[in-house]
């Protein structure tokens, strides 16, 4: 197994982490039977994932990442 010998730089490393979380959400949705689409570019559109269960109903999803320690962290959808 290869080992990393250098540290990833901060902005690219955060992008890698965000992409990994989005991929995990995509996996969960596909396992649940949704058709999943990924925008080529989502800058300013607040859409990371587009899902549908048929031809008429599409839903846009934006994945947010929150780092919390313990169970006292509350996330509010605004």
C-alpha atoms as a PDB file:
ATOM      1  CA  UNK A   1       0.000   0.000   0.000  1.00  0.00           C
ATOM      2  CA  UNK A   2       1.506   3.380  -0.940  1.00  0.00           C
ATOM      3  CA  UNK A   3       2.107   5.966   1.780  1.00  0.00           C
ATOM      4  CA  UNK A   4       1.803   9.706   1.433  1.00  0.00           C
ATOM      5  CA  UNK A   5       5.114  11.396   2.153  1.00  0.00           C
ATOM      6  CA  UNK A   6       3.922  15.006   1.830  1.00  0.00           C
ATOM      7  CA  UNK A   7       1.026  16.930   3.352  1.00  0.00           C
ATOM      8  CA  UNK A   8      -1.818  18.046   1.106  1.00  0.00           C
ATOM      9  CA  UNK A   9      -2.107  21.826   0.860  1.00  0.00           C
ATOM     10  CA  UNK A  10      -5.097  23.379   2.635  1.00  0.00           C
ATOM     11  CA  UNK A  11      -7.465  24.624  -0.143  1.00  0.00           C
ATOM     12  CA  UNK A  12      -7.059  21.543  -2.389  1.00  0.00           C
ATOM     13  CA  UNK A  13      -7.272  19.250   0.630  1.00  0.00           C
ATOM     14  CA  UNK A  14     -10.601  20.788   1.682  1.00  0.00           C
ATOM     15  CA  UNK A  15     -11.914  20.355  -1.873  1.00  0.00           C
ATOM     16  CA  UNK A  16     -10.920  16.676  -1.758  1.00  0.00           C
ATOM     17  CA  UNK A  17     -12.741  16.219   1.550  1.00  0.00           C
ATOM     18  CA  UNK A  18     -15.870  17.955   0.205  1.00  0.00           C
ATOM     19  CA  UNK A  19     -15.865  15.784  -2.913  1.00  0.00           C
ATOM     20  CA  UNK A  20     -15.511  12.654  -0.789  1.00  0.00           C
ATOM     21  CA  UNK A  21     -18.585  13.620   1.277  1.00  0.00           C
ATOM     22  CA  UNK A  22     -20.587  14.391  -1.873  1.00  0.00           C
ATOM     23  CA  UNK A  23     -19.617  10.986  -3.287  1.00  0.00           C
ATOM     24  CA  UNK A  24     -20.815   9.335  -0.092  1.00  0.00           C
ATOM     25  CA  UNK A  25     -24.207  11.076  -0.386  1.00  0.00           C
ATOM     26  CA  UNK A  26     -24.422  10.015  -4.050  1.00  0.00           C
ATOM     27  CA  UNK A  27     -23.766   6.417  -2.982  1.00  0.00           C
ATOM     28  CA  UNK A  28     -26.520   6.517  -0.345  1.00  0.00           C
ATOM     29  CA  UNK A  29     -29.021   7.985  -2.813  1.00  0.00           C
ATOM     30  CA  UNK A  30     -28.217   5.413  -5.501  1.00  0.00           C
ATOM     31  CA  UNK A  31     -28.557   2.576  -2.982  1.00  0.00           C
ATOM     32  CA  UNK A  32     -32.015   3.954  -2.174  1.00  0.00           C
ATOM     33  CA  UNK A  33     -33.005   3.814  -5.862  1.00  0.00           C
ATOM     34  CA  UNK A  34     -32.673   7.456  -6.936  1.00  0.00           C
ATOM     35  CA  UNK A  35     -31.261   8.452 -10.315  1.00  0.00           C
ATOM     36  CA  UNK A  36     -28.361  10.792  -9.553  1.00  0.00           C
ATOM     37  CA  UNK A  37     -26.808  13.489 -11.751  1.00  0.00           C
ATOM     38  CA  UNK A  38     -23.787  15.678 -11.019  1.00  0.00           C
ATOM     39  CA  UNK A  39     -23.599  19.206 -12.482  1.00  0.00           C
ATOM     40  CA  UNK A  40     -20.520  19.928 -14.574  1.00  0.00           C
ATOM     41  CA  UNK A  41     -20.204  23.291 -12.800  1.00  0.00           C
ATOM     42  CA  UNK A  42     -22.236  24.369  -9.774  1.00  0.00           C
ATOM     43  CA  UNK A  43     -20.563  27.690  -8.981  1.00  0.00           C
ATOM     44  CA  UNK A  44     -23.259  30.039  -7.659  1.00  0.00           C
ATOM     45  CA  UNK A  45     -26.150  27.635  -8.299  1.00  0.00           C
ATOM     46  CA  UNK A  46     -26.064  25.916  -4.905  1.00  0.00           C
ATOM     47  CA  UNK A  47     -26.500  22.493  -6.501  1.00  0.00           C
ATOM     48  CA  UNK A  48     -24.056  19.663  -5.812  1.00  0.00           C
ATOM     49  CA  UNK A  49     -26.363  16.792  -6.779  1.00  0.00           C
ATOM     50  CA  UNK A  50     -29.514  16.530  -8.889  1.00  0.00           C
ATOM     51  CA  UNK A  51     -31.799  13.559  -8.239  1.00  0.00           C
ATOM     52  CA  UNK A  52     -34.991  12.212  -9.745  1.00  0.00           C
ATOM     53  CA  UNK A  53     -37.280   9.269  -9.165  1.00  0.00           C
ATOM     54  CA  UNK A  54     -38.959   9.611 -12.528  1.00  0.00           C
ATOM     55  CA  UNK A  55     -39.393  12.038 -15.383  1.00  0.00           C
ATOM     56  CA  UNK A  56     -41.276  14.835 -13.607  1.00  0.00           C
ATOM     57  CA  UNK A  57     -39.830  15.368 -10.146  1.00  0.00           C
ATOM     58  CA  UNK A  58     -36.262  16.627  -9.847  1.00  0.00           C
ATOM     59  CA  UNK A  59     -34.648  17.691  -6.580  1.00  0.00           C
ATOM     60  CA  UNK A  60     -31.511  19.817  -6.144  1.00  0.00           C
ATOM     61  CA  UNK A  61     -29.244  18.958  -3.241  1.00  0.00           C
ATOM     62  CA  UNK A  62     -26.402  20.976  -1.771  1.00  0.00           C
ATOM     63  CA  UNK A  63     -24.127  19.028   0.564  1.00  0.00           C
ATOM     64  CA  UNK A  64     -22.821  20.911   3.601  1.00  0.00           C
ATOM     65  CA  UNK A  65     -20.065  19.693   5.885  1.00  0.00           C
ATOM     66  CA  UNK A  66     -20.068  20.459   9.596  1.00  0.00           C
ATOM     67  CA  UNK A  67     -17.278  19.478  11.930  1.00  0.00           C
ATOM     68  CA  UNK A  68     -18.573  18.928  15.441  1.00  0.00           C
ATOM     69  CA  UNK A  69     -17.340  17.262  18.584  1.00  0.00           C
ATOM     70  CA  UNK A  70     -19.859  15.557  20.804  1.00  0.00           C
ATOM     71  CA  UNK A  71     -23.634  15.520  20.489  1.00  0.00           C
ATOM     72  CA  UNK A  72     -24.264  19.125  21.571  1.00  0.00           C
ATOM     73  CA  UNK A  73     -24.011  20.518  18.023  1.00  0.00           C
ATOM     74  CA  UNK A  74     -27.283  21.667  16.430  1.00  0.00           C
ATOM     75  CA  UNK A  75     -27.612  22.251  12.674  1.00  0.00           C
ATOM     76  CA  UNK A  76     -30.412  24.563  11.507  1.00  0.00           C
ATOM     77  CA  UNK A  77     -31.631  24.580   7.897  1.00  0.00           C
ATOM     78  CA  UNK A  78     -32.156  28.197   6.779  1.00  0.00           C
END
